[in-house]
Structures are given as C-alpha cells and as structure tokens.
Amino acid sequence: MRLKTIRLLCDSISKQKYFYTNKLGLKLVNQNEQFFAVQAGGTLLEFEHQPGFIKQGYYHFAFNIVPTLLEAAVIHFLGPRNIPVLKNKNDTYTDFPDWNAKSVYFIDAEENILEFIARYNLDEPTHDATFNIEHIKCISEIGIAVKETQNFAETVKKQMDVQIWRDYGETFKAIGDEHGLLLDVKEGRAWLPTIDHFNGHLPTEVTIEGPGKNFTYEDVYRFKYTNQ
C-alpha cells in the first residue's frame, strides 16, 4: 500500500513550515496563508490551519528511509540540524524484531512524533555513507486513533483490498504492508517512545494509491483512493 498524500491540521503554519522546510529540509511544493505542502519521497505531506481548531493530542507518522543509513541519519543529518532524538528509555534506537526493522524518533515544531524507520526487508543497495533528504523514500505509517480498532480494521478492509499486517489485539493493529501502514491504535495511548505524548482524535486525510471506495471514519478520518 502506498500513501500518496497525507493532510494534517496544525496550530501554526509558520512554525511547522519552518521546521519541515528549513530544519528537516523537505521541498516546499505549495503554500498559502493557511496551508503548505512538502514532498517526502513518494508522499506529499500537507499541513492546514483551520480557525477554531484546538489540537488535543499528537499525530504520529514514519518515514521509510534507506535502511543501511539509519545511524548516518542520526549522526550526519538530525544532529547537525539540531533536531534532538527522542530516546526509548536510554536507547537512541528502537528495535522491532518481528518487523525486521529499527527506528529513531524525533518531534516537529508542535511535538508530533516523527520516525525514521529502517525496514530491512526493503533493503536497497547504496554506496552512500552519509544521509541526506533524498534517502527518505516515503511516509510509510500514519497513526489513526480510534475507539474500536477491530471495527476500524473491518471498515478499511471493506473499502479496499488490504489485510492486517500485524495484529496486537484491541490496542494496536498495523493495516497494509511495509510500503504503507495505517496504524490502527486505541485512543488514549502514548506514542512510542514517550509516556506523555498521547494520541488524539485528530483530523487526518489520507490518499492511498490504488482502487478503493472513499470513506470517512468517526467524522475526522477521511480516506481517498487514486490510480495516479
């Protein structure tokens, strides 16, 4: 599954645009006073400010990167850009043995939880020794906090040909594949690796590559499908 576009809301366009374009270095492709969009590999990431919006909770999404360059991403990219790493207890990296993956976490200007994830099943050869913005391949995960994870999973499966990739019971299900996952999580959980940055019922719009039926879930999550 490929996540082509992700649109999120924010409190401050100026602060978020500065972070994503100046600090993280993503290419700005569109903007106005209430909106901006940056390109993250194969995914277009959009932020919008809506008057009256009060953000309660935090978004979470992950970038697939060239797997062999995870350590270089910390040493040669995040560090020099003064983007602190969020440690998992005392560890810089978080291992996911059953996913064959390893991650590092950091935050944006509004303390949403971002992640560089090295998926070793998707390994690709590279002669590069340092990490740059071109080594971000796509956004491969977007968190969706819901009241009932099983109900959300069944709803998604009715709208498109997709399966639950990893099932951890009612608290968490990963829907899709390693190129694109909807992180179907129970409301009220803190995002890894924190204990205080809780998920929220936050407006999120996701455009997915391939056939499917557009739908809205719990009034705040909108899913669209495209063949482009």
Protein backbone atom coordinates (compact mmCIF):
# COMPACT_ATOMS: atom_id res chain seq x y z
CA MET A 1 0.00 0.00 0.00
CA ARG A 2 1.32 3.43 -0.95
CA LEU A 3 0.38 6.58 0.96
CA LYS A 4 0.36 9.25 -1.74
CA THR A 5 -0.87 12.26 0.26
CA ILE A 6 -1.33 12.91 3.98
CA ARG A 7 -3.06 16.07 5.17
CA LEU A 8 -2.94 17.09 8.84
CA LEU A 9 -4.01 20.13 10.83
CA CYS A 10 -1.71 22.36 12.83
CA ASP A 11 -1.83 25.33 15.18
CA SER A 12 0.91 27.33 13.47
CA ILE A 13 1.60 27.25 9.74
CA SER A 14 4.74 29.39 10.12
CA LYS A 15 6.36 27.22 12.79
CA GLN A 16 5.56 23.94 11.07
CA LYS A 17 6.66 25.23 7.65
CA TYR A 18 9.96 26.39 9.12
CA PHE A 19 10.56 23.01 10.70
CA TYR A 20 9.73 20.89 7.66
CA THR A 21 11.44 23.08 5.06
CA ASN A 22 14.34 24.74 6.90
CA LYS A 23 15.24 22.23 9.58
CA LEU A 24 14.21 18.89 8.04
CA GLY A 25 14.88 20.15 4.53
CA LEU A 26 11.86 18.81 2.65
CA LYS A 27 10.99 20.52 -0.63
CA LEU A 28 8.17 23.06 -0.41
CA VAL A 29 5.79 22.43 -3.32
CA ASN A 30 2.74 24.55 -2.44
CA GLN A 31 1.68 27.15 0.10
CA ASN A 32 -0.69 29.92 1.07
CA GLU A 33 -1.50 31.67 4.34
CA GLN A 34 -3.42 28.68 5.74
CA PHE A 35 -1.67 25.74 4.09
CA PHE A 36 1.62 24.30 2.91
CA ALA A 37 2.79 21.07 1.30
CA VAL A 38 6.19 19.39 1.22
CA GLN A 39 7.43 16.36 -0.70
CA ALA A 40 8.67 13.43 1.39
CA GLY A 41 9.92 10.94 -1.16
CA GLY A 42 6.86 9.42 -2.80
CA THR A 43 4.43 11.06 -0.34
CA LEU A 44 3.04 14.58 -0.34
CA LEU A 45 2.74 15.87 3.24
CA GLU A 46 0.28 18.72 3.75
CA PHE A 47 -0.49 20.87 6.78
CA GLU A 48 -3.52 23.12 7.13
CA HIS A 49 -4.60 25.63 9.75
CA GLN A 50 -8.33 25.91 10.37
CA PRO A 51 -9.68 28.78 12.52
CA GLY A 52 -11.04 27.48 15.80
CA PHE A 53 -9.07 24.23 15.65
CA ILE A 54 -7.71 23.21 19.05
CA LYS A 55 -5.17 20.42 18.84
CA GLN A 56 -5.66 17.82 21.58
CA GLY A 57 -3.13 15.04 21.35
CA TYR A 58 -0.37 14.40 18.86
CA TYR A 59 -0.01 13.00 15.37
CA HIS A 60 2.44 10.24 14.55
CA PHE A 61 3.88 9.24 11.20
CA ALA A 62 7.00 7.48 9.96
CA PHE A 63 9.35 7.94 7.04
CA ASN A 64 10.80 4.91 5.28
CA ILE A 65 14.50 5.57 4.71
CA VAL A 66 17.32 3.67 3.04
CA PRO A 67 17.80 1.03 5.75
CA THR A 68 21.58 0.92 5.90
CA LEU A 69 21.72 4.66 6.63
CA LEU A 70 19.76 4.79 9.89
CA GLU A 71 22.81 5.51 12.04
CA ALA A 72 24.04 8.04 9.48
CA ALA A 73 20.64 9.75 9.64
CA VAL A 74 21.22 10.39 13.35
CA ILE A 75 24.90 11.36 13.15
CA HIS A 76 25.06 13.25 9.84
CA PHE A 77 21.52 14.57 9.45
CA LEU A 78 19.45 15.05 12.61
CA GLY A 79 22.41 16.05 14.75
CA PRO A 80 23.79 18.82 12.52
CA ARG A 81 20.25 20.17 12.02
CA ASN A 82 19.75 20.44 15.79
CA ILE A 83 16.82 18.01 15.75
CA PRO A 84 17.06 16.09 19.05
CA VAL A 85 16.43 12.36 19.09
CA LEU A 86 13.70 11.06 21.40
CA LYS A 87 15.28 8.21 23.28
CA ASN A 88 13.44 5.00 24.14
CA LYS A 89 14.37 4.94 27.83
CA ASN A 90 18.16 5.21 27.41
CA ASP A 91 18.35 3.88 23.87
CA THR A 92 18.73 6.03 20.76
CA TYR A 93 17.25 3.30 18.56
CA THR A 94 14.15 1.16 18.95
CA ASP A 95 14.31 -2.40 17.62
CA PHE A 96 11.27 -4.18 16.20
CA PRO A 97 12.44 -7.80 15.78
CA ASP A 98 9.11 -9.12 14.48
CA TRP A 99 9.06 -6.33 11.88
CA ASN A 100 12.76 -6.76 10.98
CA ALA A 101 13.10 -3.02 11.48
CA LYS A 102 14.79 -0.39 13.61
CA SER A 103 13.71 3.20 14.25
CA VAL A 104 14.74 6.53 15.62
CA TYR A 105 12.18 9.10 16.81
CA PHE A 106 12.08 12.90 16.93
CA ILE A 107 9.47 15.67 17.12
CA ASP A 108 8.35 18.53 14.90
CA ALA A 109 7.55 22.11 15.91
CA GLU A 110 4.26 21.05 17.54
CA GLU A 111 5.74 17.94 19.17
CA ASN A 112 4.10 15.43 16.87
CA ILE A 113 6.03 12.17 16.98
CA LEU A 114 8.07 11.56 13.83
CA GLU A 115 10.08 8.48 12.99
CA PHE A 116 12.81 7.39 10.61
CA ILE A 117 12.34 3.65 10.15
CA ALA A 118 14.80 1.25 8.54
CA ARG A 119 12.87 -1.73 7.16
CA TYR A 120 15.46 -4.36 6.39
CA ASN A 121 13.04 -6.41 4.30
CA LEU A 122 13.06 -3.46 1.88
CA ASP A 123 16.83 -3.11 1.82
CA GLU A 124 18.30 -1.42 -1.22
CA PRO A 125 21.99 -1.22 -2.14
CA THR A 126 23.71 2.13 -1.73
CA HIS A 127 27.28 3.35 -1.88
CA ASP A 128 26.40 6.44 0.16
CA ALA A 129 28.00 6.77 3.57
CA THR A 130 26.08 9.84 4.72
CA PHE A 131 22.36 10.56 4.87
CA ASN A 132 20.55 13.32 3.01
CA ILE A 133 16.94 14.20 2.24
CA GLU A 134 16.96 12.06 -0.92
CA HIS A 135 17.25 8.96 1.27
CA ILE A 136 13.69 9.49 2.55
CA LYS A 137 11.66 7.11 0.40
CA CYS A 138 8.10 7.85 1.53
CA ILE A 139 5.83 8.22 4.53
CA SER A 140 5.04 4.62 5.38
CA GLU A 141 2.96 4.95 8.55
CA ILE A 142 0.21 7.23 9.77
CA GLY A 143 -1.37 6.85 13.18
CA ILE A 144 -5.16 6.56 13.38
CA ALA A 145 -6.51 6.67 16.95
CA VAL A 146 -9.98 5.09 17.22
CA LYS A 147 -12.45 3.83 19.78
CA GLU A 148 -12.51 0.24 18.46
CA THR A 149 -9.55 -1.00 16.44
CA GLN A 150 -11.30 -4.12 15.14
CA ASN A 151 -14.18 -2.07 13.79
CA PHE A 152 -11.82 0.30 12.01
CA ALA A 153 -9.85 -2.60 10.52
CA GLU A 154 -13.00 -4.26 9.19
CA THR A 155 -14.20 -0.96 7.75
CA VAL A 156 -10.94 -0.41 5.86
CA LYS A 157 -10.96 -3.97 4.51
CA LYS A 158 -14.44 -3.42 3.08
CA GLN A 159 -13.27 -0.35 1.15
CA MET A 160 -10.09 -1.75 -0.40
CA ASP A 161 -8.12 -4.95 -0.89
CA VAL A 162 -5.90 -4.84 2.18
CA GLN A 163 -5.06 -7.04 5.14
CA ILE A 164 -3.97 -6.64 8.74
CA TRP A 165 -0.18 -6.94 8.55
CA ARG A 166 0.41 -7.21 12.31
CA ASP A 167 -2.30 -7.74 14.93
CA TYR A 168 -1.61 -6.98 18.58
CA GLY A 169 -5.19 -7.27 19.76
CA GLU A 170 -7.55 -4.42 20.56
CA THR A 171 -4.76 -1.96 21.41
CA PHE A 172 -2.97 -1.93 18.05
CA LYS A 173 -3.19 -3.30 14.52
CA ALA A 174 -0.99 -2.40 11.55
CA ILE A 175 -3.02 -2.45 8.33
CA GLY A 176 -1.33 -2.61 4.91
CA ASP A 177 2.27 -3.53 4.16
CA GLU A 178 5.79 -2.21 4.69
CA HIS A 179 5.40 0.43 1.99
CA GLY A 180 2.33 1.88 3.69
CA LEU A 181 0.63 1.16 7.01
CA LEU A 182 -2.38 2.57 8.80
CA LEU A 183 -1.50 2.31 12.48
CA ASP A 184 -4.88 1.40 13.94
CA VAL A 185 -4.46 2.26 17.63
CA LYS A 186 -6.73 2.51 20.64
CA GLU A 187 -7.48 6.05 21.75
CA GLY A 188 -5.65 7.23 24.85
CA ARG A 189 -2.28 5.56 24.26
CA ALA A 190 1.03 7.41 24.33
CA TRP A 191 3.04 7.22 21.12
CA LEU A 192 6.35 5.41 21.32
CA PRO A 193 8.87 6.17 22.67
CA THR A 194 7.15 8.65 25.00
CA ILE A 195 4.98 8.19 28.06
CA ASP A 196 3.28 11.59 27.85
CA HIS A 197 2.59 12.35 24.16
CA PHE A 198 -0.81 10.74 23.77
CA ASN A 199 -2.58 10.06 20.52
CA GLY A 200 -5.64 12.13 19.71
CA HIS A 201 -8.82 12.08 17.68
CA LEU A 202 -7.23 14.45 15.16
CA PRO A 203 -8.49 15.31 11.66
CA THR A 204 -6.48 13.31 9.13
CA GLU A 205 -6.90 12.89 5.38
CA VAL A 206 -5.05 10.10 3.59
CA THR A 207 -4.92 9.47 -0.16
CA ILE A 208 -3.95 5.89 -0.99
CA GLU A 209 -2.66 4.64 -4.34
CA GLY A 210 -4.88 2.05 -5.97
CA PRO A 211 -8.56 1.10 -6.20
CA GLY A 212 -10.91 1.62 -3.29
CA LYS A 213 -14.03 3.40 -2.09
CA ASN A 214 -13.63 6.81 -0.49
CA PHE A 215 -14.90 6.87 3.08
CA THR A 216 -14.95 8.86 6.32
CA TYR A 217 -14.50 7.28 9.74
CA GLU A 218 -15.61 8.76 13.07
CA ASP A 219 -16.12 12.12 11.31
CA VAL A 220 -12.42 13.08 11.41
CA TYR A 221 -10.57 10.47 9.31
CA ARG A 222 -11.00 10.74 5.54
CA PHE A 223 -9.61 8.22 3.10
CA LYS A 224 -9.39 8.67 -0.66
CA TYR A 225 -8.04 6.48 -3.42
CA THR A 226 -6.21 7.34 -6.62
CA ASN A 227 -4.64 5.45 -9.53
CA GLN A 228 -2.18 8.26 -10.25
